[in-house]
C-alpha atoms as a PDB file:
ATOM      1  CA  MET A   1       0.418   0.077   0.189  1.00  0.00           C
ATOM      2  CA  LEU A   2       2.876   2.289   0.964  1.00  0.00           C
ATOM      3  CA  PRO A   3       3.868   2.486  -2.838  1.00  0.00           C
ATOM      4  CA  PHE A   4       0.666   3.298  -4.170  1.00  0.00           C
ATOM      5  CA  ALA A   5       0.119   5.483  -2.082  1.00  0.00           C
ATOM      6  CA  LEU A   6       3.638   7.681  -2.546  1.00  0.00           C
ATOM      7  CA  VAL A   7       2.333   7.083  -6.311  1.00  0.00           C
ATOM      8  CA  GLY A   8      -0.904   8.144  -5.808  1.00  0.00           C
ATOM      9  CA  LEU A   9       0.272  11.100  -3.688  1.00  0.00           C
ATOM     10  CA  LEU A  10       2.803  12.601  -6.588  1.00  0.00           C
ATOM     11  CA  TRP A  11      -0.392  12.634  -9.300  1.00  0.00           C
ATOM     12  CA  PHE A  12      -2.137  14.830  -6.976  1.00  0.00           C
ATOM     13  CA  ILE A  13       0.436  17.300  -6.921  1.00  0.00           C
ATOM     14  CA  LEU A  14       1.456  17.204 -10.725  1.00  0.00           C
ATOM     15  CA  ARG A  15      -2.844  18.124 -11.563  1.00  0.00           C
ATOM     16  CA  CYS A  16      -3.126  20.547  -8.621  1.00  0.00           C
ATOM     17  CA  ARG A  17      -0.105  22.668 -10.397  1.00  0.00           C
ATOM     18  CA  LYS A  18      -3.794  23.415 -13.554  1.00  0.00           C
ATOM     19  CA  GLN A  19      -5.549  23.870 -10.859  1.00  0.00           C
ATOM     20  CA  TYR A  20      -6.950  27.053  -8.404  1.00  0.00           C
ATOM     21  CA  LEU A  21      -4.516  27.681  -5.408  1.00  0.00           C
ATOM     22  CA  GLY A  22      -3.702  23.692  -6.714  1.00  0.00           C
ATOM     23  CA  TRP A  23      -0.373  25.263  -4.328  1.00  0.00           C
ATOM     24  CA  LEU A  24      -2.080  25.499  -1.035  1.00  0.00           C
ATOM     25  CA  CYS A  25      -3.902  21.224  -1.552  1.00  0.00           C
ATOM     26  CA  ALA A  26      -0.759  19.984  -2.811  1.00  0.00           C
ATOM     27  CA  LEU A  27       1.005  21.777   0.396  1.00  0.00           C
ATOM     28  CA  VAL A  28      -2.207  19.939   2.381  1.00  0.00           C
ATOM     29  CA  ALA A  29      -1.846  15.937   1.230  1.00  0.00           C
ATOM     30  CA  PHE A  30       2.572  16.378   1.327  1.00  0.00           C
ATOM     31  CA  LEU A  31       1.682  17.484   5.350  1.00  0.00           C
ATOM     32  CA  TRP A  32      -1.119  14.637   5.271  1.00  0.00           C
ATOM     33  CA  PHE A  33       1.139  11.710   4.178  1.00  0.00           C
ATOM     34  CA  ALA A  34       4.549  13.360   5.590  1.00  0.00           C
ATOM     35  CA  ILE A  35       4.341  13.697   9.017  1.00  0.00           C
ATOM     36  CA  PRO A  36       2.493  10.324  10.575  1.00  0.00           C
ATOM     37  CA  LEU A  37       5.121   8.498   7.814  1.00  0.00           C
ATOM     38  CA  ALA A  38       8.180  10.520   9.999  1.00  0.00           C
ATOM     39  CA  THR A  39       6.327  10.701  12.836  1.00  0.00           C
ATOM     40  CA  TRP A  40       5.682   6.606  12.836  1.00  0.00           C
ATOM     41  CA  THR A  41       9.546   6.270  11.601  1.00  0.00           C
ATOM     42  CA  VAL A  42      11.124   8.304  13.867  1.00  0.00           C
ATOM     43  CA  ARG A  43       8.928   5.608  16.880  1.00  0.00           C
ATOM     44  CA  ASN A  44      10.683   2.677  15.091  1.00  0.00           C
ATOM     45  CA  PHE A  45      14.198   4.273  15.330  1.00  0.00           C
ATOM     46  CA  GLN A  46      14.020   3.935  18.495  1.00  0.00           C
ATOM     47  CA  ALA A  47      12.906   1.220  19.902  1.00  0.00           C
ATOM     48  CA  PHE A  48      14.577  -0.904  16.418  1.00  0.00           C
ATOM     49  CA  GLU A  49      17.777   1.333  16.263  1.00  0.00           C
ATOM     50  CA  GLU A  50      16.900   1.299  12.198  1.00  0.00           C
ATOM     51  CA  PRO A  51      14.610   3.703   9.822  1.00  0.00           C
ATOM     52  CA  ILE A  52      11.624   1.678   9.211  1.00  0.00           C
ATOM     53  CA  PRO A  53       9.204   3.482   7.428  1.00  0.00           C
ATOM     54  CA  ILE A  54       6.213   1.304   8.533  1.00  0.00           C
ATOM     55  CA  CYS A  55       6.575  -2.595   9.354  1.00  0.00           C
ATOM     56  CA  ASP A  56       9.738  -4.132  10.182  1.00  0.00           C
ATOM     57  CA  SER A  57       7.883  -7.238   8.878  1.00  0.00           C
ATOM     58  CA  THR A  58       8.316  -7.632   5.458  1.00  0.00           C
ATOM     59  CA  PHE A  59      10.289 -11.235   5.503  1.00  0.00           C
ATOM     60  CA  LEU A  60       8.720 -12.847   8.090  1.00  0.00           C
ATOM     61  CA  HIS A  61       5.560 -12.496   5.153  1.00  0.00           C
ATOM     62  CA  LEU A  62       8.192 -13.096   2.463  1.00  0.00           C
ATOM     63  CA  TRP A  63       9.031 -16.839   4.203  1.00  0.00           C
ATOM     64  CA  ILE A  64       5.213 -17.291   4.991  1.00  0.00           C
ATOM     65  CA  GLY A  65       3.859 -16.659   1.471  1.00  0.00           C
ATOM     66  CA  ASN A  66       7.624 -19.078   0.337  1.00  0.00           C
ATOM     67  CA  ASN A  67       8.622 -22.208   2.705  1.00  0.00           C
ATOM     68  CA  PRO A  68       7.533 -25.355   1.695  1.00  0.00           C
ATOM     69  CA  SER A  69       4.276 -26.052   3.974  1.00  0.00           C
ATOM     70  CA  ALA A  70       3.160 -22.379   1.787  1.00  0.00           C
ATOM     71  CA  ASP A  71      -0.817 -22.265   0.707  1.00  0.00           C
ATOM     72  CA  GLY A  72      -1.335 -18.922  -0.778  1.00  0.00           C
ATOM     73  CA  THR A  73      -3.076 -17.805   2.965  1.00  0.00           C
ATOM     74  CA  GLU A  74      -1.635 -17.111   6.768  1.00  0.00           C
ATOM     75  CA  LEU A  75      -0.139 -19.685   8.964  1.00  0.00           C
ATOM     76  CA  ASP A  76      -0.855 -20.470  12.463  1.00  0.00           C
ATOM     77  CA  GLU A  77       1.909 -20.283  14.711  1.00  0.00           C
ATOM     78  CA  TYR A  78       2.971 -24.091  14.486  1.00  0.00           C
ATOM     79  CA  THR A  79       3.256 -24.471  11.002  1.00  0.00           C
ATOM     80  CA  LEU A  80       5.452 -21.900  10.928  1.00  0.00           C
ATOM     81  CA  ARG A  81       7.528 -23.034  13.501  1.00  0.00           C
ATOM     82  CA  ARG A  82       7.256 -25.844  12.483  1.00  0.00           C
ATOM     83  CA  SER A  83       7.845 -24.791   9.243  1.00  0.00           C
ATOM     84  CA  LEU A  84      11.079 -23.372  10.443  1.00  0.00           C
ATOM     85  CA  ASP A  85      12.505 -25.772  11.401  1.00  0.00           C
ATOM     86  CA  THR A  86      16.772 -25.709  13.323  1.00  0.00           C
ATOM     87  CA  ARG A  87      16.485 -21.858  12.552  1.00  0.00           C
ATOM     88  CA  LEU A  88      13.780 -21.787  15.755  1.00  0.00           C
ATOM     89  CA  ALA A  89      16.571 -21.063  17.712  1.00  0.00           C
ATOM     90  CA  GLU A  90      18.431 -18.883  16.157  1.00  0.00           C
ATOM     91  CA  LEU A  91      15.739 -16.472  15.758  1.00  0.00           C
ATOM     92  CA  THR A  92      13.999 -16.461  18.891  1.00  0.00           C
ATOM     93  CA  GLY A  93      17.062 -16.058  20.323  1.00  0.00           C
ATOM     94  CA  GLU A  94      17.721 -12.302  19.040  1.00  0.00           C
ATOM     95  CA  LYS A  95      15.875 -10.300  21.119  1.00  0.00           C
ATOM     96  CA  ASN A  96      15.694  -7.320  18.435  1.00  0.00           C
ATOM     97  CA  GLN A  97      12.868  -7.804  16.129  1.00  0.00           C
ATOM     98  CA  ALA A  98      13.950  -6.014  13.286  1.00  0.00           C
ATOM     99  CA  LEU A  99      17.117  -7.545  12.742  1.00  0.00           C
ATOM    100  CA  ARG A 100      15.203 -11.229  14.265  1.00  0.00           C
ATOM    101  CA  TYR A 101      12.959 -10.892  11.126  1.00  0.00           C
ATOM    102  CA  ASN A 102      15.022 -10.089   8.730  1.00  0.00           C
ATOM    103  CA  MET A 103      17.328 -12.703   9.178  1.00  0.00           C
ATOM    104  CA  LEU A 104      14.514 -14.505   7.017  1.00  0.00           C
ATOM    105  CA  MET A 105      15.791 -13.047   4.417  1.00  0.00           C
ATOM    106  CA  SER A 106      18.266 -15.197   3.467  1.00  0.00           C
ATOM    107  CA  ASP A 107      15.927 -18.510   3.939  1.00  0.00           C
ATOM    108  CA  VAL A 108      13.238 -16.615   1.612  1.00  0.00           C
ATOM    109  CA  LEU A 109      16.387 -16.590  -1.116  1.00  0.00           C
ATOM    110  CA  ASP A 110      17.532 -19.986  -0.341  1.00  0.00           C
ATOM    111  CA  GLN A 111      13.883 -21.151  -0.962  1.00  0.00           C
ATOM    112  CA  VAL A 112      13.289 -19.305  -4.183  1.00  0.00           C
ATOM    113  CA  ARG A 113      16.536 -20.123  -6.162  1.00  0.00           C
ATOM    114  CA  SER A 114      16.386 -24.152  -5.238  1.00  0.00           C
ATOM    115  CA  ASN A 115      13.126 -24.401  -6.273  1.00  0.00           C
ATOM    116  CA  PRO A 116      11.218 -21.800  -7.905  1.00  0.00           C
ATOM    117  CA  ARG A 117       8.728 -24.110  -9.653  1.00  0.00           C
ATOM    118  CA  ALA A 118       7.400 -24.170  -6.581  1.00  0.00           C
ATOM    119  CA  THR A 119       7.859 -20.728  -5.820  1.00  0.00           C
ATOM    120  CA  CYS A 120       5.455 -20.346  -9.402  1.00  0.00           C
ATOM    121  CA  ASP A 121       3.183 -22.355  -8.535  1.00  0.00           C
ATOM    122  CA  ARG A 122       2.778 -21.116  -4.336  1.00  0.00           C
ATOM    123  CA  ARG A 123       2.565 -16.990  -6.332  1.00  0.00           C
ATOM    124  CA  ILE A 124      -0.915 -18.562  -7.998  1.00  0.00           C
ATOM    125  CA  GLN A 125      -2.172 -19.605  -5.108  1.00  0.00           C
ATOM    126  CA  SER A 126      -0.979 -16.431  -3.820  1.00  0.00           C
ATOM    127  CA  MET A 127      -2.863 -14.896  -6.266  1.00  0.00           C
ATOM    128  CA  LEU A 128      -5.878 -16.559  -6.191  1.00  0.00           C
ATOM    129  CA  ALA A 129      -5.726 -16.409  -2.838  1.00  0.00           C
ATOM    130  CA  TYR A 130      -6.460 -12.596  -2.980  1.00  0.00           C
ATOM    131  CA  PHE A 131      -9.394 -12.553  -5.430  1.00  0.00           C
ATOM    132  CA  LEU A 132     -11.340 -15.178  -4.705  1.00  0.00           C
ATOM    133  CA  GLY A 133      -9.927 -15.626  -0.676  1.00  0.00           C
ATOM    134  CA  GLY A 134      -8.343 -18.521   0.927  1.00  0.00           C
ATOM    135  CA  ASP A 135     -11.208 -20.241   1.533  1.00  0.00           C
ATOM    136  CA  PHE A 136     -12.263 -20.440  -1.960  1.00  0.00           C
ATOM    137  CA  LEU A 137      -9.451 -22.655  -2.953  1.00  0.00           C
ATOM    138  CA  SER A 138     -10.483 -25.018  -0.212  1.00  0.00           C
ATOM    139  CA  GLN A 139     -12.614 -28.838  -0.908  1.00  0.00           C
ATOM    140  CA  ASP A 140     -16.081 -26.750  -0.042  1.00  0.00           C
ATOM    141  CA  HIS A 141     -15.059 -23.449  -0.438  1.00  0.00           C
ATOM    142  CA  ASN A 142     -18.498 -22.684   2.373  1.00  0.00           C
ATOM    143  CA  LEU A 143     -17.948 -19.095   4.309  1.00  0.00           C
ATOM    144  CA  ALA A 144     -16.498 -20.124   6.925  1.00  0.00           C
ATOM    145  CA  ASP A 145     -16.444 -23.433   6.648  1.00  0.00           C
ATOM    146  CA  ASN A 146     -14.006 -24.648   9.736  1.00  0.00           C
ATOM    147  CA  ALA A 147     -15.459 -26.813  11.908  1.00  0.00           C
ATOM    148  CA  ALA A 148     -13.018 -27.077  14.339  1.00  0.00           C
ATOM    149  CA  GLU A 149     -12.201 -23.108  14.484  1.00  0.00           C
ATOM    150  CA  LYS A 150     -15.700 -22.985  15.549  1.00  0.00           C
ATOM    151  CA  GLU A 151     -15.783 -24.876  17.758  1.00  0.00           C
ATOM    152  CA  GLU A 152     -13.458 -23.260  19.519  1.00  0.00           C
ATOM    153  CA  GLY A 153     -14.736 -20.194  18.805  1.00  0.00           C
ATOM    154  CA  LYS A 154     -12.094 -18.436  17.136  1.00  0.00           C
ATOM    155  CA  VAL A 155     -14.162 -18.068  13.517  1.00  0.00           C
ATOM    156  CA  ALA A 156     -18.104 -17.333  13.937  1.00  0.00           C
ATOM    157  CA  THR A 157     -20.838 -18.929  12.488  1.00  0.00           C
ATOM    158  CA  PRO A 158     -22.682 -17.130   9.901  1.00  0.00           C
ATOM    159  CA  PRO A 159     -26.116 -17.232   9.790  1.00  0.00           C
ATOM    160  CA  SER A 160     -28.358 -19.574   8.440  1.00  0.00           C
ATOM    161  CA  TRP A 161     -30.105 -17.104   5.962  1.00  0.00           C
ATOM    162  CA  LEU A 162     -26.148 -16.174   4.583  1.00  0.00           C
ATOM    163  CA  ASP A 163     -25.218 -20.316   4.573  1.00  0.00           C
ATOM    164  CA  ASP A 164     -28.627 -21.091   1.660  1.00  0.00           C
ATOM    165  CA  GLU A 165     -27.308 -22.701  -1.881  1.00  0.00           C
ATOM    166  CA  SER A 166     -29.183 -19.669  -3.571  1.00  0.00           C
ATOM    167  CA  VAL A 167     -27.324 -17.561  -1.621  1.00  0.00           C
ATOM    168  CA  ARG A 168     -24.145 -18.724  -1.828  1.00  0.00           C
ATOM    169  CA  THR A 169     -24.467 -19.033  -5.787  1.00  0.00           C
ATOM    170  CA  ALA A 170     -25.510 -15.020  -5.971  1.00  0.00           C
ATOM    171  CA  LEU A 171     -22.706 -14.046  -3.550  1.00  0.00           C
ATOM    172  CA  SER A 172     -19.953 -16.480  -6.336  1.00  0.00           C
ATOM    173  CA  ALA A 173     -21.555 -15.045  -9.135  1.00  0.00           C
ATOM    174  CA  SER A 174     -20.958 -11.732  -8.787  1.00  0.00           C
ATOM    175  CA  LEU A 175     -17.760 -11.856  -7.623  1.00  0.00           C
ATOM    176  CA  LEU A 176     -17.506 -13.426 -11.203  1.00  0.00           C
ATOM    177  CA  GLY A 177     -19.755 -10.627 -12.908  1.00  0.00           C
ATOM    178  CA  MET A 178     -17.245  -7.990 -10.888  1.00  0.00           C
ATOM    179  CA  LEU A 179     -14.258  -9.461 -12.051  1.00  0.00           C
ATOM    180  CA  CYS A 180     -14.911 -10.530 -15.777  1.00  0.00           C
ATOM    181  CA  LEU A 181     -16.769  -6.741 -16.627  1.00  0.00           C
ATOM    182  CA  SER A 182     -14.367  -4.950 -14.154  1.00  0.00           C
ATOM    183  CA  PHE A 183     -11.387  -6.459 -17.115  1.00  0.00           C
ATOM    184  CA  LEU A 184     -14.315  -5.506 -19.912  1.00  0.00           C
ATOM    185  CA  GLY A 185     -13.863  -1.879 -18.322  1.00  0.00           C
ATOM    186  CA  TRP A 186     -10.251  -1.038 -18.022  1.00  0.00           C
ATOM    187  CA  ARG A 187      -9.946  -2.204 -21.627  1.00  0.00           C
ATOM    188  CA  TRP A 188     -12.911   0.008 -22.864  1.00  0.00           C
ATOM    189  CA  SER A 189     -11.589   2.898 -21.152  1.00  0.00           C
ATOM    190  CA  MET A 190      -8.452   3.395 -23.104  1.00  0.00           C
ATOM    191  CA  ASN A 191      -9.082   6.134 -23.709  1.00  0.00           C
ATOM    192  CA  TRP A 192      -8.996   7.620 -20.896  1.00  0.00           C
ATOM    193  CA  ARG A 193      -5.944   5.715 -20.144  1.00  0.00           C
ATOM    194  CA  GLN A 194      -4.087   9.034 -19.083  1.00  0.00           C
ATOM    195  CA  GLU A 195      -7.184  10.114 -16.887  1.00  0.00           C
ATOM    196  CA  SER A 196      -7.380   6.917 -15.315  1.00  0.00           C
ATOM    197  CA  ARG A 197      -4.166   5.850 -14.980  1.00  0.00           C
ATOM    198  CA  LEU A 198      -3.802   5.544 -11.563  1.00  0.00           C
ATOM    199  CA  ALA A 199      -7.130   3.434 -11.181  1.00  0.00           C
ATOM    200  CA  SER A 200      -4.304   1.007 -13.959  1.00  0.00           C
ATOM    201  CA  LEU A 201      -1.285   1.200 -11.374  1.00  0.00           C
ATOM    202  CA  ALA A 202      -3.766   0.136  -8.184  1.00  0.00           C
ATOM    203  CA  MET A 203      -4.264  -2.806 -10.225  1.00  0.00           C
ATOM    204  CA  ILE A 204      -0.680  -3.441  -9.721  1.00  0.00           C
ATOM    205  CA  TRP A 205       0.252  -1.869  -6.780  1.00  0.00           C
ATOM    206  CA  LEU A 206      -2.144  -3.119  -4.443  1.00  0.00           C
ATOM    207  CA  PRO A 207      -2.276  -7.065  -5.623  1.00  0.00           C
ATOM    208  CA  LEU A 208       1.851  -7.245  -5.393  1.00  0.00           C
ATOM    209  CA  PRO A 209       3.059  -7.249  -2.220  1.00  0.00           C
ATOM    210  CA  TYR A 210       0.214 -10.638  -0.888  1.00  0.00           C
ATOM    211  CA  ILE A 211       0.989 -12.361  -4.911  1.00  0.00           C
ATOM    212  CA  LEU A 212       5.162 -11.842  -3.765  1.00  0.00           C
ATOM    213  CA  SER A 213       3.609 -13.071  -0.177  1.00  0.00           C
ATOM    214  CA  HIS A 214       0.920 -14.503   0.988  1.00  0.00           C
ATOM    215  CA  ALA A 215      -2.630 -13.615   1.021  1.00  0.00           C
ATOM    216  CA  GLU A 216      -5.775 -14.391   3.695  1.00  0.00           C
ATOM    217  CA  ARG A 217      -8.869 -16.865   4.910  1.00  0.00           C
ATOM    218  CA  LEU A 218     -10.920 -14.315   3.704  1.00  0.00           C
ATOM    219  CA  SER A 219     -11.058 -11.601   0.488  1.00  0.00           C
ATOM    220  CA  GLY A 220     -10.185  -8.216   2.969  1.00  0.00           C
ATOM    221  CA  PRO A 221      -6.825  -7.783   1.468  1.00  0.00           C
ATOM    222  CA  ARG A 222      -8.965  -7.703  -1.716  1.00  0.00           C
ATOM    223  CA  LEU A 223     -11.494  -4.494  -0.822  1.00  0.00           C
ATOM    224  CA  PRO A 224      -9.581  -1.854  -1.436  1.00  0.00           C
ATOM    225  CA  LEU A 225      -8.940  -2.693  -4.751  1.00  0.00           C
ATOM    226  CA  ASP A 226     -12.539  -2.979  -4.966  1.00  0.00           C
ATOM    227  CA  GLY A 227     -13.362   0.185  -5.663  1.00  0.00           C
ATOM    228  CA  VAL A 228     -11.338   0.214  -8.938  1.00  0.00           C
ATOM    229  CA  LEU A 229     -12.653  -3.346 -10.074  1.00  0.00           C
ATOM    230  CA  LEU A 230     -16.766  -1.831  -9.049  1.00  0.00           C
ATOM    231  CA  CYS A 231     -15.859   1.637 -11.047  1.00  0.00           C
ATOM    232  CA  PHE A 232     -14.590  -0.499 -13.887  1.00  0.00           C
ATOM    233  CA  ALA A 233     -17.192  -2.570 -13.763  1.00  0.00           C
ATOM    234  CA  ALA A 234     -19.832   0.389 -14.289  1.00  0.00           C
ATOM    235  CA  PHE A 235     -18.416   1.474 -17.252  1.00  0.00           C
ATOM    236  CA  ALA A 236     -18.766  -1.773 -18.615  1.00  0.00           C
ATOM    237  CA  LEU A 237     -21.903  -1.948 -17.766  1.00  0.00           C
ATOM    238  CA  ILE A 238     -22.394   2.100 -19.178  1.00  0.00           C
ATOM    239  CA  GLY A 239     -21.004   0.900 -21.980  1.00  0.00           C
ATOM    240  CA  THR A 240     -23.038  -2.081 -23.469  1.00  0.00           C
ATOM    241  CA  ALA A 241     -26.207   0.235 -22.380  1.00  0.00           C
ATOM    242  CA  VAL A 242     -25.564   3.037 -24.718  1.00  0.00           C
ATOM    243  CA  ARG A 243     -22.292   4.692 -26.213  1.00  0.00           C
ATOM    244  CA  PRO A 244     -19.531   6.305 -24.416  1.00  0.00           C
ATOM    245  CA  PRO A 245     -19.315   9.632 -25.172  1.00  0.00           C
ATOM    246  CA  THR A 246     -16.463  10.752 -27.142  1.00  0.00           C
ATOM    247  CA  PRO A 247     -13.482  11.908 -24.429  1.00  0.00           C
ATOM    248  CA  PRO A 248     -11.935  15.075 -25.899  1.00  0.00           C
ATOM    249  CA  GLN A 249      -9.122  15.347 -28.095  1.00  0.00           C
ATOM    250  CA  ALA A 250      -7.186  18.348 -28.968  1.00  0.00           C
ATOM    251  CA  ASN A 251      -7.839  20.292 -32.343  1.00  0.00           C
ATOM    252  CA  VAL A 252      -5.734  19.255 -34.641  1.00  0.00           C
ATOM    253  CA  ASP A 253      -5.223  20.901 -37.945  1.00  0.00           C
ATOM    254  CA  THR A 254      -5.743  18.663 -40.790  1.00  0.00           C
ATOM    255  CA  ARG A 255      -6.128  21.149 -44.358  1.00  0.00           C
ATOM    256  CA  ARG A 256      -3.033  20.107 -46.035  1.00  0.00           C
ATOM    257  CA  LYS A 257      -0.091  22.714 -46.813  1.00  0.00           C
ATOM    258  CA  TYR A 258       0.333  23.346 -50.115  1.00  0.00           C
ATOM    259  CA  THR A 259       4.172  25.099 -51.267  1.00  0.00           C
END
């Protein structure tokens, strides 16, 4: 999210150049972005003696998504500890959390180099889990269908009407329709590619961290992207009903010039 937020901020500042009092809007946006980030970076430097902008668990999440037990979603604590095997004692011996997680960088690189095919397979699993949710990849992919976690109280039991077959069919159909229509709307919006380039960047930057590491059992990580997908899907629906307007173009003198 942070790289995309930075790109969005730069795009907004550039657009402010052509607006009345745009410098004021650009200044407010810059301060809104920089003050919380600087405050949290200072806090992390005091805690970990290292300038960390947001979080220090990057390599931990990369290991969760690239270890031999990875399935595209998060791992429970037991499975994560078992995946570390002999490295667990060395890692837990490091008291500095930032240094402890950074020690996993070599493990991630070794896993990618030693088994590149499995790494590609895990990236496909993470991508599907990002867009559909990890539970969808299970055998029956019901909502919160893990009976063991239900008994332990870790997962709330959905209401009876939500567990109905027709409701689940409608949810799956709406998700499929949104994904298909959003792709069609993105293709039809090429005439407005300069105005919609930020939305196109969101289609790449928002899923990328989860595809490279891991998604979750539910489709929560996809929710920030749903706004962009719904806009593209709405554009496709409008395009099928009425012809979309032609984007404005600069007046070009096409008359032939004779010498």
